[in-house]
């Protein structure tokens, strides 16, 4: 499973859609969508940390995916 799909699944498990989750973590929807449709590996570190914190996971959890 890709890291992007892993995050999408975690968002869904928490009961959010991508737009709702972006609002919850105070990130522009377009930024989160770009991260999830492109490559989380190319995203700004601060944004990756914000997503991980919002999901209750660590950046290391993404590395395992």
PDB file of N, CA and C in Angstrom:
ATOM      1  N   UNK A   1       0.849  -1.169   0.000  1.00  0.00           N
ATOM      2  CA  UNK A   1       0.000   0.000   0.000  1.00  0.00           C
ATOM      3  C   UNK A   1       0.904   1.244   0.000  1.00  0.00           C
ATOM      4  N   UNK A   2       0.526   2.238  -0.769  1.00  0.00           N
ATOM      5  CA  UNK A   2       1.310   3.469  -0.808  1.00  0.00           C
ATOM      6  C   UNK A   2       1.065   4.292   0.454  1.00  0.00           C
ATOM      7  N   UNK A   3       1.980   5.194   0.731  1.00  0.00           N
ATOM      8  CA  UNK A   3       1.812   6.079   1.893  1.00  0.00           C
ATOM      9  C   UNK A   3       0.584   6.961   1.719  1.00  0.00           C
ATOM     10  N   UNK A   4       0.338   7.400   0.488  1.00  0.00           N
ATOM     11  CA  UNK A   4      -0.832   8.242   0.223  1.00  0.00           C
ATOM     12  C   UNK A   4      -2.123   7.478   0.526  1.00  0.00           C
ATOM     13  N   UNK A   5      -2.186   6.214   0.086  1.00  0.00           N
ATOM     14  CA  UNK A   5      -3.373   5.398   0.347  1.00  0.00           C
ATOM     15  C   UNK A   5      -3.513   5.106   1.837  1.00  0.00           C
ATOM     16  N   UNK A   6      -2.404   4.873   2.509  1.00  0.00           N
ATOM     17  CA  UNK A   6      -2.410   4.651   3.957  1.00  0.00           C
ATOM     18  C   UNK A   6      -3.050   5.845   4.670  1.00  0.00           C
ATOM     19  N   UNK A   7      -2.664   7.047   4.278  1.00  0.00           N
ATOM     20  CA  UNK A   7      -3.222   8.257   4.901  1.00  0.00           C
ATOM     21  C   UNK A   7      -4.698   8.399   4.562  1.00  0.00           C
ATOM     22  N   UNK A   8      -5.062   8.172   3.302  1.00  0.00           N
ATOM     23  CA  UNK A   8      -6.476   8.252   2.913  1.00  0.00           C
ATOM     24  C   UNK A   8      -7.314   7.282   3.749  1.00  0.00           C
ATOM     25  N   UNK A   9      -6.810   6.070   3.947  1.00  0.00           N
ATOM     26  CA  UNK A   9      -7.529   5.075   4.750  1.00  0.00           C
ATOM     27  C   UNK A   9      -7.662   5.527   6.200  1.00  0.00           C
ATOM     28  N   UNK A  10      -6.600   6.107   6.755  1.00  0.00           N
ATOM     29  CA  UNK A  10      -6.643   6.593   8.142  1.00  0.00           C
ATOM     30  C   UNK A  10      -7.650   7.727   8.288  1.00  0.00           C
ATOM     31  N   UNK A  11      -7.689   8.615   7.312  1.00  0.00           N
ATOM     32  CA  UNK A  11      -8.650   9.719   7.341  1.00  0.00           C
ATOM     33  C   UNK A  11     -10.070   9.158   7.358  1.00  0.00           C
ATOM     34  N   UNK A  12     -10.324   8.193   6.490  1.00  0.00           N
ATOM     35  CA  UNK A  12     -11.648   7.573   6.412  1.00  0.00           C
ATOM     36  C   UNK A  12     -12.004   6.850   7.709  1.00  0.00           C
ATOM     37  N   UNK A  13     -11.031   6.148   8.297  1.00  0.00           N
ATOM     38  CA  UNK A  13     -11.260   5.432   9.557  1.00  0.00           C
ATOM     39  C   UNK A  13     -11.645   6.388  10.683  1.00  0.00           C
ATOM     40  N   UNK A  14     -11.147   7.613  10.622  1.00  0.00           N
ATOM     41  CA  UNK A  14     -11.463   8.610  11.657  1.00  0.00           C
ATOM     42  C   UNK A  14     -12.800   9.305  11.383  1.00  0.00           C
ATOM     43  N   UNK A  15     -13.467   8.920  10.288  1.00  0.00           N
ATOM     44  CA  UNK A  15     -14.798   9.433   9.995  1.00  0.00           C
ATOM     45  C   UNK A  15     -14.824  10.736   9.210  1.00  0.00           C
ATOM     46  N   UNK A  16     -13.723  11.075   8.581  1.00  0.00           N
ATOM     47  CA  UNK A  16     -13.637  12.306   7.801  1.00  0.00           C
ATOM     48  C   UNK A  16     -13.530  11.993   6.317  1.00  0.00           C
ATOM     49  N   UNK A  17     -13.918  12.968   5.506  1.00  0.00           N
ATOM     50  CA  UNK A  17     -13.486  12.940   4.120  1.00  0.00           C
ATOM     51  C   UNK A  17     -12.278  13.879   4.043  1.00  0.00           C
ATOM     52  N   UNK A  18     -11.640  13.952   2.908  1.00  0.00           N
ATOM     53  CA  UNK A  18     -10.402  14.734   2.802  1.00  0.00           C
ATOM     54  C   UNK A  18     -10.647  16.210   3.106  1.00  0.00           C
ATOM     55  N   UNK A  19     -11.734  16.756   2.613  1.00  0.00           N
ATOM     56  CA  UNK A  19     -12.035  18.176   2.835  1.00  0.00           C
ATOM     57  C   UNK A  19     -12.258  18.465   4.319  1.00  0.00           C
ATOM     58  N   UNK A  20     -13.003  17.613   4.992  1.00  0.00           N
ATOM     59  CA  UNK A  20     -13.261  17.796   6.433  1.00  0.00           C
ATOM     60  C   UNK A  20     -11.976  17.672   7.241  1.00  0.00           C
ATOM     61  N   UNK A  21     -11.139  16.709   6.870  1.00  0.00           N
ATOM     62  CA  UNK A  21      -9.892  16.517   7.597  1.00  0.00           C
ATOM     63  C   UNK A  21      -8.965  17.710   7.410  1.00  0.00           C
ATOM     64  N   UNK A  22      -8.899  18.234   6.199  1.00  0.00           N
ATOM     65  CA  UNK A  22      -8.073  19.417   5.939  1.00  0.00           C
ATOM     66  C   UNK A  22      -8.510  20.568   6.841  1.00  0.00           C
ATOM     67  N   UNK A  23      -9.801  20.755   6.973  1.00  0.00           N
ATOM     68  CA  UNK A  23     -10.322  21.815   7.844  1.00  0.00           C
ATOM     69  C   UNK A  23      -9.969  21.528   9.303  1.00  0.00           C
ATOM     70  N   UNK A  24     -10.075  20.268   9.703  1.00  0.00           N
ATOM     71  CA  UNK A  24      -9.781  19.867  11.084  1.00  0.00           C
ATOM     72  C   UNK A  24      -8.330  20.167  11.463  1.00  0.00           C
ATOM     73  N   UNK A  25      -7.404  19.969  10.529  1.00  0.00           N
ATOM     74  CA  UNK A  25      -5.988  20.194  10.836  1.00  0.00           C
ATOM     75  C   UNK A  25      -5.511  21.571  10.380  1.00  0.00           C
ATOM     76  N   UNK A  26      -6.461  22.399   9.945  1.00  0.00           N
ATOM     77  CA  UNK A  26      -6.156  23.777   9.548  1.00  0.00           C
ATOM     78  C   UNK A  26      -5.143  23.833   8.402  1.00  0.00           C
ATOM     79  N   UNK A  27      -5.427  23.043   7.371  1.00  0.00           N
ATOM     80  CA  UNK A  27      -4.586  22.999   6.177  1.00  0.00           C
ATOM     81  C   UNK A  27      -5.486  23.253   4.973  1.00  0.00           C
ATOM     82  N   UNK A  28      -5.028  24.041   4.015  1.00  0.00           N
ATOM     83  CA  UNK A  28      -5.845  24.221   2.818  1.00  0.00           C
ATOM     84  C   UNK A  28      -6.162  22.882   2.151  1.00  0.00           C
ATOM     85  N   UNK A  29      -7.404  22.729   1.762  1.00  0.00           N
ATOM     86  CA  UNK A  29      -7.846  21.497   1.105  1.00  0.00           C
ATOM     87  C   UNK A  29      -6.977  21.179  -0.101  1.00  0.00           C
ATOM     88  N   UNK A  30      -6.665  22.201  -0.885  1.00  0.00           N
ATOM     89  CA  UNK A  30      -5.869  21.978  -2.099  1.00  0.00           C
ATOM     90  C   UNK A  30      -4.477  21.440  -1.773  1.00  0.00           C
ATOM     91  N   UNK A  31      -3.911  21.864  -0.653  1.00  0.00           N
ATOM     92  CA  UNK A  31      -2.595  21.372  -0.241  1.00  0.00           C
ATOM     93  C   UNK A  31      -2.667  19.894   0.122  1.00  0.00           C
ATOM     94  N   UNK A  32      -3.654  19.543   0.934  1.00  0.00           N
ATOM     95  CA  UNK A  32      -3.800  18.136   1.330  1.00  0.00           C
ATOM     96  C   UNK A  32      -4.103  17.267   0.117  1.00  0.00           C
ATOM     97  N   UNK A  33      -4.967  17.737  -0.752  1.00  0.00           N
ATOM     98  CA  UNK A  33      -5.311  16.972  -1.940  1.00  0.00           C
ATOM     99  C   UNK A  33      -4.085  16.742  -2.819  1.00  0.00           C
ATOM    100  N   UNK A  34      -3.270  17.759  -2.973  1.00  0.00           N
ATOM    101  CA  UNK A  34      -2.037  17.618  -3.755  1.00  0.00           C
ATOM    102  C   UNK A  34      -1.105  16.591  -3.131  1.00  0.00           C
ATOM    103  N   UNK A  35      -1.002  16.611  -1.808  1.00  0.00           N
ATOM    104  CA  UNK A  35      -0.154  15.650  -1.112  1.00  0.00           C
ATOM    105  C   UNK A  35      -0.637  14.217  -1.348  1.00  0.00           C
ATOM    106  N   UNK A  36      -1.944  14.040  -1.303  1.00  0.00           N
ATOM    107  CA  UNK A  36      -2.509  12.696  -1.394  1.00  0.00           C
ATOM    108  C   UNK A  36      -2.647  12.193  -2.825  1.00  0.00           C
ATOM    109  N   UNK A  37      -2.680  13.099  -3.779  1.00  0.00           N
ATOM    110  CA  UNK A  37      -2.780  12.694  -5.184  1.00  0.00           C
ATOM    111  C   UNK A  37      -1.436  12.700  -5.884  1.00  0.00           C
ATOM    112  N   UNK A  38      -0.465  13.290  -5.239  1.00  0.00           N
ATOM    113  CA  UNK A  38       0.867  13.352  -5.823  1.00  0.00           C
ATOM    114  C   UNK A  38       1.794  12.442  -5.063  1.00  0.00           C
ATOM    115  N   UNK A  39       2.610  13.061  -4.265  1.00  0.00           N
ATOM    116  CA  UNK A  39       3.550  12.278  -3.483  1.00  0.00           C
ATOM    117  C   UNK A  39       3.763  12.928  -2.135  1.00  0.00           C
ATOM    118  N   UNK A  40       3.423  12.230  -1.104  1.00  0.00           N
ATOM    119  CA  UNK A  40       3.632  12.744   0.243  1.00  0.00           C
ATOM    120  C   UNK A  40       5.122  12.953   0.496  1.00  0.00           C
ATOM    121  N   UNK A  41       5.957  12.211  -0.210  1.00  0.00           N
ATOM    122  CA  UNK A  41       7.400  12.326  -0.046  1.00  0.00           C
ATOM    123  C   UNK A  41       7.955  13.662  -0.504  1.00  0.00           C
ATOM    124  N   UNK A  42       7.240  14.357  -1.380  1.00  0.00           N
ATOM    125  CA  UNK A  42       7.691  15.650  -1.862  1.00  0.00           C
ATOM    126  C   UNK A  42       7.070  16.818  -1.135  1.00  0.00           C
ATOM    127  N   UNK A  43       6.257  16.542  -0.135  1.00  0.00           N
ATOM    128  CA  UNK A  43       5.559  17.592   0.599  1.00  0.00           C
ATOM    129  C   UNK A  43       6.474  18.236   1.636  1.00  0.00           C
ATOM    130  N   UNK A  44       6.125  19.440   2.029  1.00  0.00           N
ATOM    131  CA  UNK A  44       6.869  20.126   3.081  1.00  0.00           C
ATOM    132  C   UNK A  44       6.768  19.330   4.377  1.00  0.00           C
ATOM    133  N   UNK A  45       7.862  19.259   5.080  1.00  0.00           N
ATOM    134  CA  UNK A  45       7.927  18.487   6.321  1.00  0.00           C
ATOM    135  C   UNK A  45       6.863  18.964   7.310  1.00  0.00           C
ATOM    136  N   UNK A  46       6.680  20.262   7.427  1.00  0.00           N
ATOM    137  CA  UNK A  46       5.677  20.793   8.358  1.00  0.00           C
ATOM    138  C   UNK A  46       4.287  20.266   8.026  1.00  0.00           C
ATOM    139  N   UNK A  47       3.966  20.165   6.742  1.00  0.00           N
ATOM    140  CA  UNK A  47       2.649  19.662   6.350  1.00  0.00           C
ATOM    141  C   UNK A  47       2.502  18.178   6.641  1.00  0.00           C
ATOM    142  N   UNK A  48       3.555  17.418   6.427  1.00  0.00           N
ATOM    143  CA  UNK A  48       3.505  15.981   6.730  1.00  0.00           C
ATOM    144  C   UNK A  48       3.310  15.783   8.232  1.00  0.00           C
ATOM    145  N   UNK A  49       4.014  16.550   9.022  1.00  0.00           N
ATOM    146  CA  UNK A  49       3.880  16.457  10.484  1.00  0.00           C
ATOM    147  C   UNK A  49       2.466  16.827  10.909  1.00  0.00           C
ATOM    148  N   UNK A  50       1.901  17.854  10.305  1.00  0.00           N
ATOM    149  CA  UNK A  50       0.535  18.286  10.637  1.00  0.00           C
ATOM    150  C   UNK A  50      -0.464  17.167  10.341  1.00  0.00           C
ATOM    151  N   UNK A  51      -0.312  16.506   9.196  1.00  0.00           N
ATOM    152  CA  UNK A  51      -1.201  15.397   8.838  1.00  0.00           C
ATOM    153  C   UNK A  51      -1.030  14.246   9.830  1.00  0.00           C
ATOM    154  N   UNK A  52       0.208  13.893  10.118  1.00  0.00           N
ATOM    155  CA  UNK A  52       0.462  12.795  11.055  1.00  0.00           C
ATOM    156  C   UNK A  52      -0.104  13.092  12.439  1.00  0.00           C
ATOM    157  N   UNK A  53       0.101  14.300  12.922  1.00  0.00           N
ATOM    158  CA  UNK A  53      -0.442  14.674  14.231  1.00  0.00           C
ATOM    159  C   UNK A  53      -1.964  14.586  14.238  1.00  0.00           C
ATOM    160  N   UNK A  54      -2.585  15.028  13.156  1.00  0.00           N
ATOM    161  CA  UNK A  54      -4.043  14.965  13.060  1.00  0.00           C
ATOM    162  C   UNK A  54      -4.576  13.551  13.048  1.00  0.00           C
ATOM    163  N   UNK A  55      -3.769  12.623  12.564  1.00  0.00           N
ATOM    164  CA  UNK A  55      -4.183  11.215  12.507  1.00  0.00           C
ATOM    165  C   UNK A  55      -3.718  10.409  13.707  1.00  0.00           C
ATOM    166  N   UNK A  56      -2.904  11.019  14.550  1.00  0.00           N
ATOM    167  CA  UNK A  56      -2.401  10.294  15.712  1.00  0.00           C
ATOM    168  C   UNK A  56      -1.367   9.247  15.351  1.00  0.00           C
ATOM    169  N   UNK A  57      -0.616   9.503  14.282  1.00  0.00           N
ATOM    170  CA  UNK A  57       0.447   8.590  13.877  1.00  0.00           C
ATOM    171  C   UNK A  57       1.768   9.365  13.856  1.00  0.00           C
ATOM    172  N   UNK A  58       2.858   8.638  13.696  1.00  0.00           N
ATOM    173  CA  UNK A  58       4.156   9.289  13.609  1.00  0.00           C
ATOM    174  C   UNK A  58       4.623   9.276  12.153  1.00  0.00           C
ATOM    175  N   UNK A  59       5.587  10.115  11.874  1.00  0.00           N
ATOM    176  CA  UNK A  59       6.184  10.122  10.544  1.00  0.00           C
ATOM    177  C   UNK A  59       6.835   8.760  10.282  1.00  0.00           C
ATOM    178  N   UNK A  60       7.344   8.144  11.309  1.00  0.00           N
ATOM    179  CA  UNK A  60       7.939   6.806  11.168  1.00  0.00           C
ATOM    180  C   UNK A  60       6.907   5.786  10.718  1.00  0.00           C
ATOM    181  N   UNK A  61       5.657   5.957  11.110  1.00  0.00           N
ATOM    182  CA  UNK A  61       4.597   5.058  10.645  1.00  0.00           C
ATOM    183  C   UNK A  61       4.454   5.113   9.121  1.00  0.00           C
ATOM    184  N   UNK A  62       4.682   6.300   8.558  1.00  0.00           N
ATOM    185  CA  UNK A  62       4.617   6.445   7.100  1.00  0.00           C
ATOM    186  C   UNK A  62       5.786   5.747   6.428  1.00  0.00           C
ATOM    187  N   UNK A  63       6.920   5.800   7.097  1.00  0.00           N
ATOM    188  CA  UNK A  63       8.121   5.183   6.546  1.00  0.00           C
ATOM    189  C   UNK A  63       7.922   3.674   6.381  1.00  0.00           C
ATOM    190  N   UNK A  64       7.149   3.092   7.264  1.00  0.00           N
ATOM    191  CA  UNK A  64       6.899   1.649   7.230  1.00  0.00           C
ATOM    192  C   UNK A  64       5.991   1.249   6.080  1.00  0.00           C
ATOM    193  N   UNK A  65       5.274   2.226   5.517  1.00  0.00           N
ATOM    194  CA  UNK A  65       4.323   1.902   4.430  1.00  0.00           C
ATOM    195  C   UNK A  65       5.006   1.805   3.112  1.00  0.00           C
TER     196      UNK A  65
END
